[in-house]
Amino acid sequence: MNNQENEGWVFLVNSKKAHYFRNGRSLCKKWGYMGNTFEKDEFESPDDCKDCRRRLNKEKGAKK
């Protein structure tokens, strides 16, 4: 598997927002996830964790 298959958005049952996970840890550093099912980052949602979204957008901007 490549790295992009091991990361993405997950809406945890005990969280009010969806978080972006990479290597089992959310970008906001507040959540852990040992699953292997992720949603792709196709569009921004009001249900996204603001910290995760901000960090992901910052990474995408730096890659351009």
N, C-alpha and C. Protein backbone atom coordinates (compact mmCIF):
# COMPACT_ATOMS: atom_id res chain seq x y z
N MET A 1 0.83 -1.20 0.00
CA MET A 1 0.00 0.00 0.00
C MET A 1 0.87 1.24 0.00
N ASN A 2 0.42 2.24 -0.75
CA ASN A 2 1.16 3.49 -0.68
C ASN A 2 0.63 4.34 0.47
N ASN A 3 1.31 5.41 0.78
CA ASN A 3 0.99 6.22 1.95
C ASN A 3 -0.41 6.83 1.88
N GLN A 4 -0.87 7.20 0.70
CA GLN A 4 -2.18 7.83 0.59
C GLN A 4 -3.32 6.87 0.91
N GLU A 5 -3.09 5.57 0.77
CA GLU A 5 -4.12 4.61 1.13
C GLU A 5 -4.22 4.45 2.64
N ASN A 6 -3.21 4.87 3.38
CA ASN A 6 -3.18 4.75 4.83
C ASN A 6 -3.54 6.05 5.53
N GLU A 7 -4.18 6.95 4.83
CA GLU A 7 -4.58 8.20 5.44
C GLU A 7 -5.87 8.70 4.85
N GLY A 8 -6.57 9.53 5.61
CA GLY A 8 -7.82 10.10 5.14
C GLY A 8 -8.71 10.50 6.31
N TRP A 9 -9.91 10.89 5.96
CA TRP A 9 -10.89 11.36 6.95
C TRP A 9 -11.66 10.20 7.56
N VAL A 10 -11.88 10.29 8.87
CA VAL A 10 -12.67 9.30 9.59
C VAL A 10 -13.59 10.04 10.55
N PHE A 11 -14.85 9.62 10.58
CA PHE A 11 -15.81 10.19 11.53
C PHE A 11 -15.99 9.16 12.64
N LEU A 12 -15.30 9.38 13.76
CA LEU A 12 -15.36 8.45 14.88
C LEU A 12 -16.69 8.59 15.62
N VAL A 13 -17.16 7.50 16.18
CA VAL A 13 -18.44 7.48 16.87
C VAL A 13 -18.45 8.43 18.06
N ASN A 14 -17.35 8.54 18.77
CA ASN A 14 -17.30 9.36 19.98
C ASN A 14 -16.74 10.77 19.75
N SER A 15 -16.72 11.22 18.50
CA SER A 15 -16.25 12.56 18.17
C SER A 15 -17.35 13.33 17.45
N LYS A 16 -17.41 14.62 17.69
CA LYS A 16 -18.42 15.46 17.03
C LYS A 16 -18.00 15.87 15.62
N LYS A 17 -16.72 15.72 15.30
CA LYS A 17 -16.18 16.14 14.01
C LYS A 17 -15.40 15.00 13.36
N ALA A 18 -15.26 15.08 12.04
CA ALA A 18 -14.42 14.14 11.31
C ALA A 18 -12.97 14.59 11.44
N HIS A 19 -12.05 13.64 11.56
CA HIS A 19 -10.63 13.96 11.71
C HIS A 19 -9.85 13.31 10.59
N TYR A 20 -8.74 13.95 10.22
CA TYR A 20 -7.86 13.42 9.18
C TYR A 20 -6.76 12.62 9.87
N PHE A 21 -6.63 11.34 9.50
CA PHE A 21 -5.66 10.46 10.14
C PHE A 21 -4.55 10.08 9.18
N ARG A 22 -3.36 10.01 9.75
CA ARG A 22 -2.17 9.55 9.03
C ARG A 22 -1.36 8.74 10.04
N ASN A 23 -1.05 7.50 9.66
CA ASN A 23 -0.27 6.61 10.52
C ASN A 23 -0.91 6.42 11.90
N GLY A 24 -2.24 6.34 11.93
CA GLY A 24 -2.96 6.05 13.17
C GLY A 24 -3.18 7.23 14.09
N ARG A 25 -2.76 8.43 13.69
CA ARG A 25 -2.89 9.60 14.54
C ARG A 25 -3.53 10.73 13.76
N SER A 26 -4.46 11.47 14.41
CA SER A 26 -5.09 12.60 13.73
C SER A 26 -4.09 13.74 13.59
N LEU A 27 -4.27 14.57 12.56
CA LEU A 27 -3.37 15.71 12.36
C LEU A 27 -3.45 16.70 13.52
N CYS A 28 -4.59 16.75 14.20
CA CYS A 28 -4.72 17.65 15.35
C CYS A 28 -4.08 17.05 16.60
N LYS A 29 -3.62 15.80 16.51
CA LYS A 29 -2.93 15.08 17.60
C LYS A 29 -3.82 14.75 18.79
N LYS A 30 -5.15 14.78 18.60
CA LYS A 30 -6.06 14.51 19.72
C LYS A 30 -6.69 13.13 19.66
N TRP A 31 -6.56 12.42 18.53
CA TRP A 31 -7.26 11.15 18.35
C TRP A 31 -6.34 10.10 17.74
N GLY A 32 -6.63 8.85 18.07
CA GLY A 32 -5.94 7.72 17.47
C GLY A 32 -6.95 6.84 16.75
N TYR A 33 -6.50 6.13 15.72
CA TYR A 33 -7.39 5.28 14.93
C TYR A 33 -6.58 4.11 14.39
N MET A 34 -7.00 2.91 14.71
CA MET A 34 -6.29 1.72 14.26
C MET A 34 -6.99 1.02 13.10
N GLY A 35 -8.03 1.62 12.57
CA GLY A 35 -8.75 1.02 11.45
C GLY A 35 -8.03 1.23 10.13
N ASN A 36 -8.65 0.75 9.08
CA ASN A 36 -8.05 0.90 7.75
C ASN A 36 -9.04 1.41 6.72
N THR A 37 -10.13 2.01 7.18
CA THR A 37 -11.12 2.58 6.28
C THR A 37 -11.07 4.10 6.38
N PHE A 38 -10.79 4.74 5.25
CA PHE A 38 -10.66 6.20 5.23
C PHE A 38 -11.47 6.78 4.08
N GLU A 39 -11.93 8.01 4.27
CA GLU A 39 -12.59 8.77 3.21
C GLU A 39 -11.55 9.68 2.57
N LYS A 40 -11.63 9.83 1.26
CA LYS A 40 -10.70 10.71 0.54
C LYS A 40 -11.01 12.16 0.84
N ASP A 41 -10.03 13.02 0.61
CA ASP A 41 -10.20 14.45 0.82
C ASP A 41 -10.65 15.09 -0.48
N GLU A 42 -11.95 14.98 -0.77
CA GLU A 42 -12.48 15.49 -2.03
C GLU A 42 -13.04 16.90 -1.91
N PHE A 43 -13.54 17.26 -0.73
CA PHE A 43 -14.09 18.60 -0.53
C PHE A 43 -14.10 18.92 0.96
N GLU A 44 -14.15 20.20 1.27
CA GLU A 44 -14.22 20.61 2.67
C GLU A 44 -15.65 20.47 3.17
N SER A 45 -15.77 20.08 4.42
CA SER A 45 -17.08 19.89 5.04
C SER A 45 -17.14 20.68 6.35
N PRO A 46 -18.30 21.17 6.71
CA PRO A 46 -18.42 21.84 8.01
C PRO A 46 -18.24 20.86 9.17
N ASP A 47 -18.28 19.55 8.87
CA ASP A 47 -18.09 18.54 9.90
C ASP A 47 -16.62 18.18 10.11
N ASP A 48 -15.69 18.79 9.36
CA ASP A 48 -14.27 18.53 9.52
C ASP A 48 -13.74 19.22 10.78
N CYS A 49 -12.81 18.56 11.45
CA CYS A 49 -12.09 19.18 12.57
C CYS A 49 -11.32 20.37 12.00
N LYS A 50 -11.47 21.52 12.61
CA LYS A 50 -10.83 22.73 12.09
C LYS A 50 -9.31 22.64 12.14
N ASP A 51 -8.75 22.04 13.19
CA ASP A 51 -7.30 21.90 13.28
C ASP A 51 -6.77 20.95 12.21
N CYS A 52 -7.44 19.82 12.02
CA CYS A 52 -7.02 18.87 10.99
C CYS A 52 -7.09 19.51 9.61
N ARG A 53 -8.17 20.22 9.32
CA ARG A 53 -8.36 20.86 8.02
C ARG A 53 -7.29 21.92 7.78
N ARG A 54 -7.02 22.73 8.79
CA ARG A 54 -6.02 23.79 8.67
C ARG A 54 -4.64 23.20 8.38
N ARG A 55 -4.26 22.16 9.11
CA ARG A 55 -2.95 21.53 8.91
C ARG A 55 -2.86 20.85 7.54
N LEU A 56 -3.94 20.20 7.13
CA LEU A 56 -3.94 19.53 5.82
C LEU A 56 -3.84 20.56 4.69
N ASN A 57 -4.60 21.64 4.79
CA ASN A 57 -4.54 22.69 3.77
C ASN A 57 -3.15 23.34 3.73
N LYS A 58 -2.53 23.50 4.89
CA LYS A 58 -1.18 24.06 4.93
C LYS A 58 -0.19 23.14 4.24
N GLU A 59 -0.31 21.82 4.47
CA GLU A 59 0.56 20.84 3.79
C GLU A 59 0.34 20.87 2.28
N LYS A 60 -0.91 20.93 1.85
CA LYS A 60 -1.21 20.96 0.42
C LYS A 60 -0.65 22.21 -0.21
N GLY A 61 -0.72 23.34 0.47
CA GLY A 61 -0.17 24.59 -0.04
C GLY A 61 1.33 24.53 -0.19
N ALA A 62 1.99 23.86 0.74
CA ALA A 62 3.45 23.75 0.70
C ALA A 62 3.91 22.81 -0.41
N LYS A 63 3.08 21.86 -0.81
CA LYS A 63 3.45 20.89 -1.84
C LYS A 63 3.34 21.48 -3.23
N LYS A 64 2.60 22.57 -3.40
CA LYS A 64 2.39 23.17 -4.73
C LYS A 64 3.62 23.86 -5.24
